[in-house]
Amino acid sequence: MLLCYITDRKQFFGDEATRRRLLLQKIADVARCGVDFIQLREKDLSARELEALAREAVGIVQKNMGAQNRESGTRFLINSRPDIAIAVRADGVHLRSEDLSPSQVRTIWAESGTGTRARVTVSISCHSAEDVRRAAADGSDFALFGPVFEKQDAPQIARVGLGNLRLACKENIRVLALGGVTVESAQSCLDAGAAGIAGIRLFQENDISKIVESLR
């Protein structure tokens, strides 16, 4: 089962320096526990601030994977910014529907000299089976599909539900369930065909080692 931790330092208590420190500590713990993907999603930061945070986070991920092989350890993705991902030598990017396409990102990555088109990891947000079909056709590595359940911080956003998740998982791409997923509801997502679970609160508000053990 694939696991993806999505960051949100604003959910930590304290001033900016404290939130940053707690976020980097959580990233270290997540990498140490073998979570497959970390998506840095700090949308309020300037490009300069995001790059500085990402550069430090990449170093922390690499350090805390220990003896794990680089290819099979935690993959670090930057939300929406392939330029920053390339600059800090991240493993790839996560895209929204309005961002560049996965194929465009792979071309930029190859032309940068950082690596081949196949080496970069590209994920994308999807909200319907049609979105997932397009993601598969355009070469995404996996899709984050949701919100499957009601989002605690955004109850006004309509949930897609397990039925639509089941349809999305019929497409030729790995689909991770996102949005209000708990340890208790994770099994229903897997039963619907999901390849794994993505979330913010699930990983950020709990003891990560216990969450990973419970899910796997």
N, C-alpha and C. Protein backbone atom coordinates (compact mmCIF):
# COMPACT_ATOMS: atom_id res chain seq x y z
N MET A 1 0.84 -1.19 0.00
CA MET A 1 0.00 0.00 0.00
C MET A 1 0.87 1.24 0.00
N LEU A 2 0.62 2.14 -0.95
CA LEU A 2 1.37 3.39 -1.04
C LEU A 2 0.81 4.42 -0.05
N LEU A 3 1.71 5.18 0.55
CA LEU A 3 1.31 6.23 1.50
C LEU A 3 1.93 7.55 1.06
N CYS A 4 1.13 8.62 1.13
CA CYS A 4 1.58 9.95 0.73
C CYS A 4 1.22 10.98 1.79
N TYR A 5 2.23 11.59 2.37
CA TYR A 5 2.02 12.66 3.36
C TYR A 5 2.07 14.01 2.65
N ILE A 6 1.00 14.79 2.81
CA ILE A 6 0.91 16.13 2.24
C ILE A 6 1.10 17.13 3.37
N THR A 7 2.03 18.06 3.20
CA THR A 7 2.37 18.96 4.30
C THR A 7 1.44 20.16 4.39
N ASP A 8 1.32 20.67 5.61
CA ASP A 8 0.64 21.95 5.85
C ASP A 8 1.14 22.48 7.19
N ARG A 9 2.20 23.26 7.15
CA ARG A 9 2.82 23.74 8.39
C ARG A 9 1.88 24.64 9.18
N LYS A 10 0.88 25.25 8.51
CA LYS A 10 -0.03 26.18 9.20
C LYS A 10 -0.93 25.45 10.21
N GLN A 11 -1.01 24.15 10.10
CA GLN A 11 -1.82 23.40 11.06
C GLN A 11 -1.07 23.13 12.36
N PHE A 12 0.22 23.42 12.39
CA PHE A 12 0.97 23.32 13.64
C PHE A 12 0.76 24.60 14.46
N PHE A 13 0.83 24.49 15.78
CA PHE A 13 0.71 25.65 16.64
C PHE A 13 2.05 26.38 16.73
N GLY A 14 1.98 27.69 16.99
CA GLY A 14 3.18 28.47 17.21
C GLY A 14 3.43 29.49 16.12
N ASP A 15 4.55 30.21 16.27
CA ASP A 15 4.92 31.20 15.28
C ASP A 15 5.53 30.52 14.06
N GLU A 16 5.92 31.30 13.06
CA GLU A 16 6.42 30.73 11.81
C GLU A 16 7.65 29.86 12.03
N ALA A 17 8.57 30.33 12.87
CA ALA A 17 9.78 29.56 13.11
C ALA A 17 9.46 28.21 13.75
N THR A 18 8.51 28.21 14.68
CA THR A 18 8.12 26.97 15.36
C THR A 18 7.43 26.02 14.39
N ARG A 19 6.54 26.56 13.58
CA ARG A 19 5.84 25.73 12.60
C ARG A 19 6.82 25.10 11.61
N ARG A 20 7.78 25.87 11.17
CA ARG A 20 8.78 25.36 10.23
C ARG A 20 9.58 24.24 10.87
N ARG A 21 9.98 24.46 12.12
CA ARG A 21 10.77 23.44 12.82
C ARG A 21 9.96 22.15 12.99
N LEU A 22 8.68 22.29 13.37
CA LEU A 22 7.83 21.11 13.57
C LEU A 22 7.58 20.39 12.25
N LEU A 23 7.43 21.15 11.16
CA LEU A 23 7.23 20.53 9.87
C LEU A 23 8.44 19.72 9.44
N LEU A 24 9.63 20.28 9.58
CA LEU A 24 10.84 19.58 9.19
C LEU A 24 11.06 18.34 10.07
N GLN A 25 10.69 18.44 11.33
CA GLN A 25 10.78 17.27 12.21
C GLN A 25 9.82 16.17 11.76
N LYS A 26 8.61 16.58 11.36
CA LYS A 26 7.63 15.60 10.87
C LYS A 26 8.12 14.96 9.58
N ILE A 27 8.69 15.75 8.68
CA ILE A 27 9.23 15.21 7.44
C ILE A 27 10.31 14.17 7.72
N ALA A 28 11.17 14.45 8.69
CA ALA A 28 12.21 13.49 9.07
C ALA A 28 11.59 12.20 9.57
N ASP A 29 10.57 12.30 10.42
CA ASP A 29 9.90 11.12 10.96
C ASP A 29 9.22 10.32 9.86
N VAL A 30 8.58 11.02 8.93
CA VAL A 30 7.87 10.37 7.83
C VAL A 30 8.85 9.59 6.96
N ALA A 31 9.99 10.20 6.63
CA ALA A 31 10.99 9.51 5.82
C ALA A 31 11.56 8.31 6.56
N ARG A 32 11.78 8.47 7.84
CA ARG A 32 12.35 7.39 8.64
C ARG A 32 11.41 6.19 8.71
N CYS A 33 10.10 6.45 8.67
CA CYS A 33 9.09 5.38 8.77
C CYS A 33 8.75 4.76 7.42
N GLY A 34 9.39 5.24 6.35
CA GLY A 34 9.21 4.60 5.05
C GLY A 34 7.95 4.97 4.30
N VAL A 35 7.37 6.14 4.59
CA VAL A 35 6.25 6.62 3.79
C VAL A 35 6.76 6.85 2.36
N ASP A 36 5.96 6.47 1.37
CA ASP A 36 6.45 6.44 -0.01
C ASP A 36 6.67 7.82 -0.61
N PHE A 37 5.74 8.76 -0.31
CA PHE A 37 5.82 10.08 -0.94
C PHE A 37 5.57 11.17 0.10
N ILE A 38 6.31 12.26 -0.02
CA ILE A 38 6.03 13.48 0.72
C ILE A 38 5.76 14.57 -0.31
N GLN A 39 4.62 15.23 -0.18
CA GLN A 39 4.28 16.33 -1.08
C GLN A 39 4.36 17.65 -0.30
N LEU A 40 5.33 18.49 -0.67
CA LEU A 40 5.47 19.79 -0.01
C LEU A 40 4.44 20.73 -0.60
N ARG A 41 3.45 21.08 0.20
CA ARG A 41 2.30 21.86 -0.27
C ARG A 41 2.12 23.09 0.62
N GLU A 42 3.02 24.04 0.48
CA GLU A 42 2.97 25.27 1.28
C GLU A 42 2.66 26.43 0.35
N LYS A 43 1.39 26.54 0.00
CA LYS A 43 0.96 27.42 -1.09
C LYS A 43 1.12 28.91 -0.80
N ASP A 44 1.24 29.29 0.47
CA ASP A 44 1.31 30.71 0.81
C ASP A 44 2.72 31.27 0.74
N LEU A 45 3.72 30.41 0.57
CA LEU A 45 5.11 30.89 0.57
C LEU A 45 5.49 31.49 -0.77
N SER A 46 6.38 32.45 -0.74
CA SER A 46 6.95 32.99 -1.97
C SER A 46 7.87 31.94 -2.58
N ALA A 47 8.25 32.15 -3.84
CA ALA A 47 9.14 31.20 -4.50
C ALA A 47 10.45 31.07 -3.74
N ARG A 48 11.00 32.17 -3.27
CA ARG A 48 12.25 32.14 -2.53
C ARG A 48 12.10 31.36 -1.23
N GLU A 49 11.01 31.62 -0.51
CA GLU A 49 10.78 30.92 0.76
C GLU A 49 10.54 29.43 0.55
N LEU A 50 9.76 29.11 -0.50
CA LEU A 50 9.48 27.71 -0.79
C LEU A 50 10.75 26.96 -1.18
N GLU A 51 11.60 27.59 -1.97
CA GLU A 51 12.84 26.94 -2.37
C GLU A 51 13.75 26.68 -1.17
N ALA A 52 13.83 27.65 -0.26
CA ALA A 52 14.67 27.47 0.92
C ALA A 52 14.16 26.33 1.79
N LEU A 53 12.84 26.28 1.99
CA LEU A 53 12.25 25.21 2.78
C LEU A 53 12.43 23.86 2.10
N ALA A 54 12.20 23.83 0.79
CA ALA A 54 12.32 22.58 0.03
C ALA A 54 13.74 22.06 0.06
N ARG A 55 14.71 22.95 -0.06
CA ARG A 55 16.12 22.53 -0.08
C ARG A 55 16.49 21.87 1.26
N GLU A 56 16.03 22.45 2.34
CA GLU A 56 16.31 21.87 3.65
C GLU A 56 15.58 20.53 3.82
N ALA A 57 14.34 20.48 3.35
CA ALA A 57 13.55 19.26 3.47
C ALA A 57 14.15 18.10 2.67
N VAL A 58 14.63 18.39 1.47
CA VAL A 58 15.25 17.36 0.63
C VAL A 58 16.45 16.75 1.36
N GLY A 59 17.27 17.60 1.97
CA GLY A 59 18.41 17.09 2.72
C GLY A 59 17.99 16.22 3.88
N ILE A 60 16.92 16.61 4.55
CA ILE A 60 16.42 15.84 5.69
C ILE A 60 15.88 14.48 5.24
N VAL A 61 15.16 14.47 4.13
CA VAL A 61 14.63 13.20 3.61
C VAL A 61 15.76 12.25 3.27
N GLN A 62 16.76 12.75 2.56
CA GLN A 62 17.88 11.90 2.16
C GLN A 62 18.65 11.37 3.36
N LYS A 63 18.81 12.21 4.38
CA LYS A 63 19.53 11.80 5.58
C LYS A 63 18.76 10.74 6.36
N ASN A 64 17.44 10.88 6.43
CA ASN A 64 16.65 10.00 7.30
C ASN A 64 16.16 8.73 6.62
N MET A 65 16.47 8.56 5.34
CA MET A 65 16.18 7.28 4.70
C MET A 65 17.22 6.24 5.10
N GLY A 66 18.29 6.67 5.75
CA GLY A 66 19.28 5.74 6.25
C GLY A 66 19.89 4.90 5.14
N ALA A 67 19.91 3.60 5.35
CA ALA A 67 20.55 2.68 4.40
C ALA A 67 19.64 2.30 3.24
N GLN A 68 18.41 2.82 3.23
CA GLN A 68 17.50 2.48 2.14
C GLN A 68 18.05 2.96 0.79
N ASN A 69 17.80 2.19 -0.22
CA ASN A 69 18.21 2.58 -1.57
C ASN A 69 17.44 3.83 -2.00
N ARG A 70 18.14 4.75 -2.63
CA ARG A 70 17.53 6.02 -3.05
C ARG A 70 16.32 5.80 -3.96
N GLU A 71 16.38 4.75 -4.78
CA GLU A 71 15.32 4.52 -5.74
C GLU A 71 14.06 3.97 -5.09
N SER A 72 14.19 3.29 -3.95
CA SER A 72 13.03 2.66 -3.32
C SER A 72 12.60 3.36 -2.04
N GLY A 73 13.31 4.42 -1.65
CA GLY A 73 12.95 5.13 -0.44
C GLY A 73 11.89 6.19 -0.68
N THR A 74 11.72 7.08 0.29
CA THR A 74 10.72 8.15 0.20
C THR A 74 11.03 9.09 -0.97
N ARG A 75 10.01 9.38 -1.76
CA ARG A 75 10.14 10.30 -2.89
C ARG A 75 9.58 11.66 -2.47
N PHE A 76 10.35 12.72 -2.68
CA PHE A 76 9.96 14.06 -2.24
C PHE A 76 9.48 14.87 -3.44
N LEU A 77 8.23 15.32 -3.38
CA LEU A 77 7.59 16.05 -4.48
C LEU A 77 7.27 17.48 -4.06
N ILE A 78 7.41 18.42 -4.99
CA ILE A 78 7.05 19.81 -4.76
C ILE A 78 5.72 20.09 -5.44
N ASN A 79 4.83 20.76 -4.75
CA ASN A 79 3.52 21.06 -5.29
C ASN A 79 3.60 22.16 -6.35
N SER A 80 3.25 21.83 -7.60
CA SER A 80 3.02 22.80 -8.69
C SER A 80 4.25 23.52 -9.24
N ARG A 81 5.45 23.28 -8.68
CA ARG A 81 6.61 24.07 -9.09
C ARG A 81 7.76 23.18 -9.57
N PRO A 82 7.72 22.77 -10.85
CA PRO A 82 8.83 21.97 -11.38
C PRO A 82 10.15 22.71 -11.36
N ASP A 83 10.12 24.05 -11.50
CA ASP A 83 11.37 24.82 -11.48
C ASP A 83 12.07 24.69 -10.13
N ILE A 84 11.30 24.79 -9.05
CA ILE A 84 11.87 24.65 -7.72
C ILE A 84 12.28 23.21 -7.46
N ALA A 85 11.48 22.27 -7.92
CA ALA A 85 11.81 20.85 -7.75
C ALA A 85 13.16 20.54 -8.40
N ILE A 86 13.38 21.08 -9.58
CA ILE A 86 14.64 20.86 -10.28
C ILE A 86 15.79 21.54 -9.53
N ALA A 87 15.56 22.76 -9.05
CA ALA A 87 16.61 23.53 -8.38
C ALA A 87 17.11 22.85 -7.11
N VAL A 88 16.19 22.21 -6.36
CA VAL A 88 16.58 21.60 -5.08
C VAL A 88 16.84 20.10 -5.22
N ARG A 89 16.73 19.59 -6.45
CA ARG A 89 16.93 18.17 -6.73
C ARG A 89 15.93 17.28 -5.98
N ALA A 90 14.68 17.72 -6.02
CA ALA A 90 13.60 16.88 -5.50
C ALA A 90 13.37 15.72 -6.47
N ASP A 91 12.49 14.80 -6.09
CA ASP A 91 12.24 13.62 -6.91
C ASP A 91 11.16 13.85 -7.96
N GLY A 92 10.40 14.95 -7.81
CA GLY A 92 9.35 15.19 -8.77
C GLY A 92 8.39 16.26 -8.31
N VAL A 93 7.21 16.28 -8.92
CA VAL A 93 6.21 17.31 -8.64
C VAL A 93 4.82 16.70 -8.53
N HIS A 94 3.98 17.41 -7.78
CA HIS A 94 2.55 17.10 -7.77
C HIS A 94 1.83 18.25 -8.46
N LEU A 95 0.91 17.92 -9.36
CA LEU A 95 0.25 18.93 -10.19
C LEU A 95 -1.23 19.05 -9.87
N ARG A 96 -1.74 20.27 -10.01
CA ARG A 96 -3.18 20.51 -10.01
C ARG A 96 -3.65 20.51 -11.46
N SER A 97 -4.95 20.50 -11.64
CA SER A 97 -5.49 20.43 -13.01
C SER A 97 -5.11 21.64 -13.85
N GLU A 98 -4.89 22.80 -13.20
CA GLU A 98 -4.57 24.02 -13.95
C GLU A 98 -3.06 24.21 -14.17
N ASP A 99 -2.24 23.29 -13.66
CA ASP A 99 -0.80 23.38 -13.83
C ASP A 99 -0.38 22.84 -15.20
N LEU A 100 0.92 22.82 -15.44
CA LEU A 100 1.45 22.17 -16.63
C LEU A 100 1.03 20.70 -16.65
N SER A 101 1.04 20.11 -17.83
CA SER A 101 0.67 18.69 -17.93
C SER A 101 1.86 17.83 -17.51
N PRO A 102 1.61 16.58 -17.13
CA PRO A 102 2.71 15.67 -16.78
C PRO A 102 3.74 15.53 -17.89
N SER A 103 3.29 15.46 -19.14
CA SER A 103 4.23 15.31 -20.25
C SER A 103 5.10 16.56 -20.40
N GLN A 104 4.54 17.75 -20.17
CA GLN A 104 5.33 18.98 -20.23
C GLN A 104 6.38 19.00 -19.12
N VAL A 105 5.99 18.55 -17.93
CA VAL A 105 6.93 18.50 -16.81
C VAL A 105 8.09 17.57 -17.14
N ARG A 106 7.79 16.41 -17.71
CA ARG A 106 8.84 15.45 -18.05
C ARG A 106 9.81 16.04 -19.08
N THR A 107 9.29 16.80 -20.02
CA THR A 107 10.15 17.44 -21.02
C THR A 107 11.05 18.47 -20.37
N ILE A 108 10.49 19.31 -19.50
CA ILE A 108 11.28 20.32 -18.78
C ILE A 108 12.37 19.64 -17.95
N TRP A 109 12.00 18.56 -17.30
CA TRP A 109 12.94 17.84 -16.44
C TRP A 109 14.12 17.30 -17.25
N ALA A 110 13.81 16.70 -18.39
CA ALA A 110 14.86 16.13 -19.24
C ALA A 110 15.76 17.22 -19.79
N GLU A 111 15.17 18.34 -20.19
CA GLU A 111 15.95 19.44 -20.78
C GLU A 111 16.82 20.15 -19.74
N SER A 112 16.47 20.02 -18.46
CA SER A 112 17.24 20.68 -17.41
C SER A 112 18.56 19.98 -17.13
N GLY A 113 18.67 18.73 -17.60
CA GLY A 113 19.88 17.96 -17.33
C GLY A 113 19.85 17.27 -15.99
N THR A 114 18.73 17.41 -15.25
CA THR A 114 18.62 16.78 -13.93
C THR A 114 18.46 15.27 -14.04
N GLY A 115 17.76 14.82 -15.08
CA GLY A 115 17.53 13.39 -15.25
C GLY A 115 16.66 13.16 -16.46
N THR A 116 16.33 11.92 -16.72
CA THR A 116 15.51 11.57 -17.87
C THR A 116 14.04 11.82 -17.60
N ARG A 117 13.24 11.77 -18.65
CA ARG A 117 11.79 11.92 -18.50
C ARG A 117 11.21 10.87 -17.57
N ALA A 118 11.76 9.67 -17.64
CA ALA A 118 11.21 8.57 -16.84
C ALA A 118 11.59 8.69 -15.36
N ARG A 119 12.68 9.38 -15.06
CA ARG A 119 13.18 9.42 -13.69
C ARG A 119 12.30 10.27 -12.77
N VAL A 120 11.74 11.35 -13.28
CA VAL A 120 10.95 12.24 -12.45
C VAL A 120 9.61 11.59 -12.09
N THR A 121 9.20 11.77 -10.83
CA THR A 121 7.90 11.28 -10.37
C THR A 121 6.88 12.39 -10.51
N VAL A 122 5.76 12.11 -11.17
CA VAL A 122 4.72 13.11 -11.37
C VAL A 122 3.38 12.54 -10.90
N SER A 123 2.76 13.25 -9.96
CA SER A 123 1.41 12.90 -9.52
C SER A 123 0.49 14.06 -9.84
N ILE A 124 -0.82 13.81 -9.80
CA ILE A 124 -1.78 14.84 -10.19
C ILE A 124 -3.08 14.70 -9.40
N SER A 125 -3.71 15.82 -9.08
CA SER A 125 -4.99 15.82 -8.37
C SER A 125 -6.12 15.52 -9.35
N CYS A 126 -7.02 14.62 -8.95
CA CYS A 126 -8.16 14.25 -9.79
C CYS A 126 -9.43 14.20 -8.93
N HIS A 127 -10.55 14.51 -9.58
CA HIS A 127 -11.83 14.54 -8.86
C HIS A 127 -12.92 13.74 -9.56
N SER A 128 -12.57 13.10 -10.66
CA SER A 128 -13.53 12.26 -11.39
C SER A 128 -12.77 11.17 -12.12
N ALA A 129 -13.51 10.14 -12.54
CA ALA A 129 -12.88 9.06 -13.30
C ALA A 129 -12.30 9.59 -14.61
N GLU A 130 -12.95 10.59 -15.20
CA GLU A 130 -12.44 11.18 -16.44
C GLU A 130 -11.10 11.88 -16.20
N ASP A 131 -10.99 12.58 -15.06
CA ASP A 131 -9.71 13.20 -14.70
C ASP A 131 -8.61 12.14 -14.61
N VAL A 132 -8.94 11.04 -13.98
CA VAL A 132 -7.97 9.96 -13.80
C VAL A 132 -7.58 9.36 -15.14
N ARG A 133 -8.56 9.22 -16.04
CA ARG A 133 -8.28 8.68 -17.38
C ARG A 133 -7.29 9.59 -18.12
N ARG A 134 -7.50 10.90 -18.02
CA ARG A 134 -6.58 11.85 -18.66
C ARG A 134 -5.19 11.78 -18.04
N ALA A 135 -5.15 11.64 -16.71
CA ALA A 135 -3.87 11.55 -16.01
C ALA A 135 -3.08 10.34 -16.49
N ALA A 136 -3.77 9.22 -16.67
CA ALA A 136 -3.11 8.00 -17.14
C ALA A 136 -2.60 8.19 -18.56
N ALA A 137 -3.42 8.80 -19.41
CA ALA A 137 -3.04 9.00 -20.82
C ALA A 137 -1.86 9.95 -20.95
N ASP A 138 -1.74 10.89 -20.01
CA ASP A 138 -0.68 11.89 -20.11
C ASP A 138 0.58 11.50 -19.34
N GLY A 139 0.60 10.29 -18.81
CA GLY A 139 1.84 9.79 -18.23
C GLY A 139 2.09 10.09 -16.78
N SER A 140 1.04 10.37 -16.00
CA SER A 140 1.22 10.55 -14.56
C SER A 140 1.62 9.21 -13.92
N ASP A 141 2.41 9.28 -12.86
CA ASP A 141 2.78 8.06 -12.14
C ASP A 141 1.65 7.58 -11.23
N PHE A 142 0.94 8.53 -10.64
CA PHE A 142 -0.23 8.17 -9.84
C PHE A 142 -1.13 9.38 -9.68
N ALA A 143 -2.36 9.12 -9.27
CA ALA A 143 -3.34 10.19 -9.09
C ALA A 143 -3.79 10.25 -7.63
N LEU A 144 -3.97 11.45 -7.12
CA LEU A 144 -4.61 11.65 -5.81
C LEU A 144 -6.06 11.96 -6.08
N PHE A 145 -6.96 11.10 -5.60
CA PHE A 145 -8.38 11.20 -5.95
C PHE A 145 -9.20 11.54 -4.72
N GLY A 146 -9.99 12.62 -4.82
CA GLY A 146 -10.80 12.98 -3.67
C GLY A 146 -11.52 14.30 -3.85
N PRO A 147 -12.13 14.78 -2.77
CA PRO A 147 -12.13 14.15 -1.46
C PRO A 147 -13.11 12.97 -1.38
N VAL A 148 -12.60 11.82 -0.94
CA VAL A 148 -13.43 10.63 -0.85
C VAL A 148 -14.47 10.80 0.25
N PHE A 149 -14.01 11.30 1.40
CA PHE A 149 -14.90 11.57 2.53
C PHE A 149 -14.91 13.07 2.80
N GLU A 150 -15.74 13.50 3.71
CA GLU A 150 -15.84 14.93 4.01
C GLU A 150 -14.53 15.45 4.60
N LYS A 151 -14.07 16.59 4.09
CA LYS A 151 -12.85 17.20 4.60
C LYS A 151 -13.19 18.01 5.85
N GLN A 152 -12.44 17.78 6.92
CA GLN A 152 -12.70 18.45 8.19
C GLN A 152 -12.59 19.96 8.08
N ASP A 153 -11.62 20.43 7.30
CA ASP A 153 -11.39 21.87 7.20
C ASP A 153 -12.14 22.52 6.04
N ALA A 154 -12.85 21.71 5.24
CA ALA A 154 -13.60 22.26 4.10
C ALA A 154 -14.86 21.43 3.85
N PRO A 155 -15.79 21.43 4.81
CA PRO A 155 -16.99 20.59 4.68
C PRO A 155 -17.90 21.01 3.52
N GLN A 156 -17.67 22.22 2.98
CA GLN A 156 -18.50 22.71 1.88
C GLN A 156 -18.14 22.05 0.55
N ILE A 157 -16.97 21.41 0.48
CA ILE A 157 -16.55 20.74 -0.75
C ILE A 157 -17.22 19.37 -0.82
N ALA A 158 -17.92 19.12 -1.90
CA ALA A 158 -18.66 17.86 -2.04
C ALA A 158 -17.69 16.68 -2.12
N ARG A 159 -17.98 15.64 -1.38
CA ARG A 159 -17.14 14.45 -1.43
C ARG A 159 -17.49 13.61 -2.65
N VAL A 160 -16.49 12.90 -3.16
CA VAL A 160 -16.72 12.07 -4.35
C VAL A 160 -17.27 10.70 -3.98
N GLY A 161 -16.95 10.22 -2.78
CA GLY A 161 -17.51 8.96 -2.30
C GLY A 161 -16.77 7.74 -2.83
N LEU A 162 -17.08 6.61 -2.20
CA LEU A 162 -16.41 5.35 -2.54
C LEU A 162 -16.81 4.82 -3.91
N GLY A 163 -18.04 5.11 -4.34
CA GLY A 163 -18.48 4.65 -5.65
C GLY A 163 -17.64 5.24 -6.77
N ASN A 164 -17.42 6.55 -6.70
CA ASN A 164 -16.59 7.20 -7.71
C ASN A 164 -15.13 6.80 -7.59
N LEU A 165 -14.68 6.55 -6.37
CA LEU A 165 -13.32 6.04 -6.19
C LEU A 165 -13.17 4.70 -6.90
N ARG A 166 -14.17 3.85 -6.75
CA ARG A 166 -14.14 2.53 -7.40
C ARG A 166 -14.05 2.67 -8.92
N LEU A 167 -14.79 3.60 -9.48
CA LEU A 167 -14.74 3.83 -10.93
C LEU A 167 -13.36 4.34 -11.35
N ALA A 168 -12.82 5.28 -10.57
CA ALA A 168 -11.52 5.86 -10.89
C ALA A 168 -10.42 4.80 -10.86
N CYS A 169 -10.56 3.84 -9.96
CA CYS A 169 -9.52 2.82 -9.80
C CYS A 169 -9.53 1.78 -10.92
N LYS A 170 -10.51 1.86 -11.80
CA LYS A 170 -10.54 0.96 -12.96
C LYS A 170 -9.61 1.44 -14.08
N GLU A 171 -9.14 2.69 -13.98
CA GLU A 171 -8.26 3.23 -15.00
C GLU A 171 -6.84 2.67 -14.83
N ASN A 172 -6.04 2.78 -15.88
CA ASN A 172 -4.71 2.18 -15.90
C ASN A 172 -3.67 3.09 -15.25
N ILE A 173 -3.85 3.33 -13.95
CA ILE A 173 -2.94 4.19 -13.19
C ILE A 173 -3.20 3.92 -11.71
N ARG A 174 -2.17 4.08 -10.91
CA ARG A 174 -2.35 3.93 -9.47
C ARG A 174 -3.12 5.13 -8.91
N VAL A 175 -4.10 4.85 -8.07
CA VAL A 175 -4.95 5.90 -7.49
C VAL A 175 -4.83 5.84 -5.98
N LEU A 176 -4.51 6.98 -5.37
CA LEU A 176 -4.46 7.09 -3.92
C LEU A 176 -5.68 7.87 -3.44
N ALA A 177 -6.35 7.34 -2.44
CA ALA A 177 -7.54 7.98 -1.88
C ALA A 177 -7.14 9.14 -0.98
N LEU A 178 -7.83 10.26 -1.14
CA LEU A 178 -7.50 11.49 -0.41
C LEU A 178 -8.78 12.14 0.09
N GLY A 179 -8.70 12.73 1.29
CA GLY A 179 -9.82 13.53 1.78
C GLY A 179 -10.59 12.87 2.89
N GLY A 180 -10.22 13.18 4.14
CA GLY A 180 -10.95 12.66 5.29
C GLY A 180 -10.72 11.20 5.58
N VAL A 181 -9.71 10.59 4.99
CA VAL A 181 -9.45 9.17 5.22
C VAL A 181 -8.83 8.97 6.60
N THR A 182 -9.34 8.01 7.34
CA THR A 182 -8.83 7.66 8.66
C THR A 182 -8.29 6.23 8.63
N VAL A 183 -7.66 5.83 9.72
CA VAL A 183 -7.21 4.44 9.83
C VAL A 183 -8.39 3.49 9.68
N GLU A 184 -9.54 3.89 10.25
CA GLU A 184 -10.71 3.03 10.23
C GLU A 184 -11.32 2.94 8.83
N SER A 185 -11.28 4.02 8.05
CA SER A 185 -11.92 4.01 6.73
C SER A 185 -10.97 3.63 5.60
N ALA A 186 -9.69 3.48 5.91
CA ALA A 186 -8.71 3.18 4.87
C ALA A 186 -9.01 1.86 4.17
N GLN A 187 -9.46 0.87 4.91
CA GLN A 187 -9.72 -0.44 4.32
C GLN A 187 -10.79 -0.37 3.24
N SER A 188 -11.81 0.47 3.47
CA SER A 188 -12.87 0.59 2.47
C SER A 188 -12.33 1.21 1.18
N CYS A 189 -11.33 2.07 1.30
CA CYS A 189 -10.70 2.66 0.10
C CYS A 189 -9.91 1.60 -0.66
N LEU A 190 -9.20 0.77 0.08
CA LEU A 190 -8.44 -0.31 -0.56
C LEU A 190 -9.38 -1.32 -1.21
N ASP A 191 -10.49 -1.60 -0.55
CA ASP A 191 -11.48 -2.52 -1.12
C ASP A 191 -12.06 -1.97 -2.42
N ALA A 192 -12.09 -0.64 -2.53
CA ALA A 192 -12.60 -0.01 -3.76
C ALA A 192 -11.56 -0.01 -4.88
N GLY A 193 -10.35 -0.43 -4.56
CA GLY A 193 -9.31 -0.53 -5.58
C GLY A 193 -8.16 0.44 -5.44
N ALA A 194 -8.19 1.30 -4.41
CA ALA A 194 -7.12 2.29 -4.24
C ALA A 194 -5.78 1.60 -4.01
N ALA A 195 -4.73 2.20 -4.57
CA ALA A 195 -3.38 1.67 -4.38
C ALA A 195 -2.76 2.17 -3.09
N GLY A 196 -3.44 3.12 -2.43
CA GLY A 196 -2.89 3.64 -1.19
C GLY A 196 -3.70 4.82 -0.68
N ILE A 197 -3.12 5.50 0.30
CA ILE A 197 -3.80 6.57 1.03
C ILE A 197 -2.92 7.82 1.05
N ALA A 198 -3.53 8.98 0.82
CA ALA A 198 -2.84 10.26 0.95
C ALA A 198 -3.59 11.12 1.96
N GLY A 199 -2.86 11.99 2.65
CA GLY A 199 -3.53 12.86 3.60
C GLY A 199 -2.60 13.83 4.28
N ILE A 200 -3.22 14.82 4.93
CA ILE A 200 -2.48 15.78 5.74
C ILE A 200 -2.61 15.41 7.20
N ARG A 201 -3.82 15.56 7.74
CA ARG A 201 -4.05 15.36 9.16
C ARG A 201 -3.72 13.95 9.62
N LEU A 202 -4.04 12.96 8.81
CA LEU A 202 -3.81 11.57 9.18
C LEU A 202 -2.36 11.34 9.59
N PHE A 203 -1.43 11.95 8.85
CA PHE A 203 -0.01 11.77 9.15
C PHE A 203 0.54 12.85 10.05
N GLN A 204 0.02 14.06 9.93
CA GLN A 204 0.61 15.20 10.62
C GLN A 204 0.18 15.30 12.07
N GLU A 205 -1.02 14.84 12.39
CA GLU A 205 -1.54 15.02 13.74
C GLU A 205 -1.35 13.79 14.63
N ASN A 206 -0.72 12.74 14.09
CA ASN A 206 -0.60 11.50 14.83
C ASN A 206 0.85 11.03 14.89
N ASP A 207 1.10 10.06 15.76
CA ASP A 207 2.41 9.42 15.81
C ASP A 207 2.59 8.66 14.50
N ILE A 208 3.53 9.11 13.67
CA ILE A 208 3.64 8.57 12.32
C ILE A 208 3.98 7.08 12.31
N SER A 209 4.81 6.63 13.25
CA SER A 209 5.17 5.22 13.27
C SER A 209 3.96 4.34 13.55
N LYS A 210 3.07 4.81 14.43
CA LYS A 210 1.87 4.04 14.75
C LYS A 210 0.88 4.05 13.57
N ILE A 211 0.78 5.20 12.90
CA ILE A 211 -0.12 5.30 11.74
C ILE A 211 0.34 4.37 10.62
N VAL A 212 1.63 4.39 10.31
CA VAL A 212 2.16 3.54 9.25
C VAL A 212 1.97 2.07 9.60
N GLU A 213 2.23 1.73 10.85
CA GLU A 213 2.04 0.33 11.27
C GLU A 213 0.58 -0.08 11.18
N SER A 214 -0.32 0.79 11.59
CA SER A 214 -1.76 0.47 11.55
C SER A 214 -2.25 0.31 10.12
N LEU A 215 -1.80 1.18 9.24
CA LEU A 215 -2.27 1.14 7.85
C LEU A 215 -1.72 -0.07 7.11
N ARG A 216 -0.46 -0.39 7.37
CA ARG A 216 0.16 -1.46 6.59
C ARG A 216 0.00 -2.82 7.23
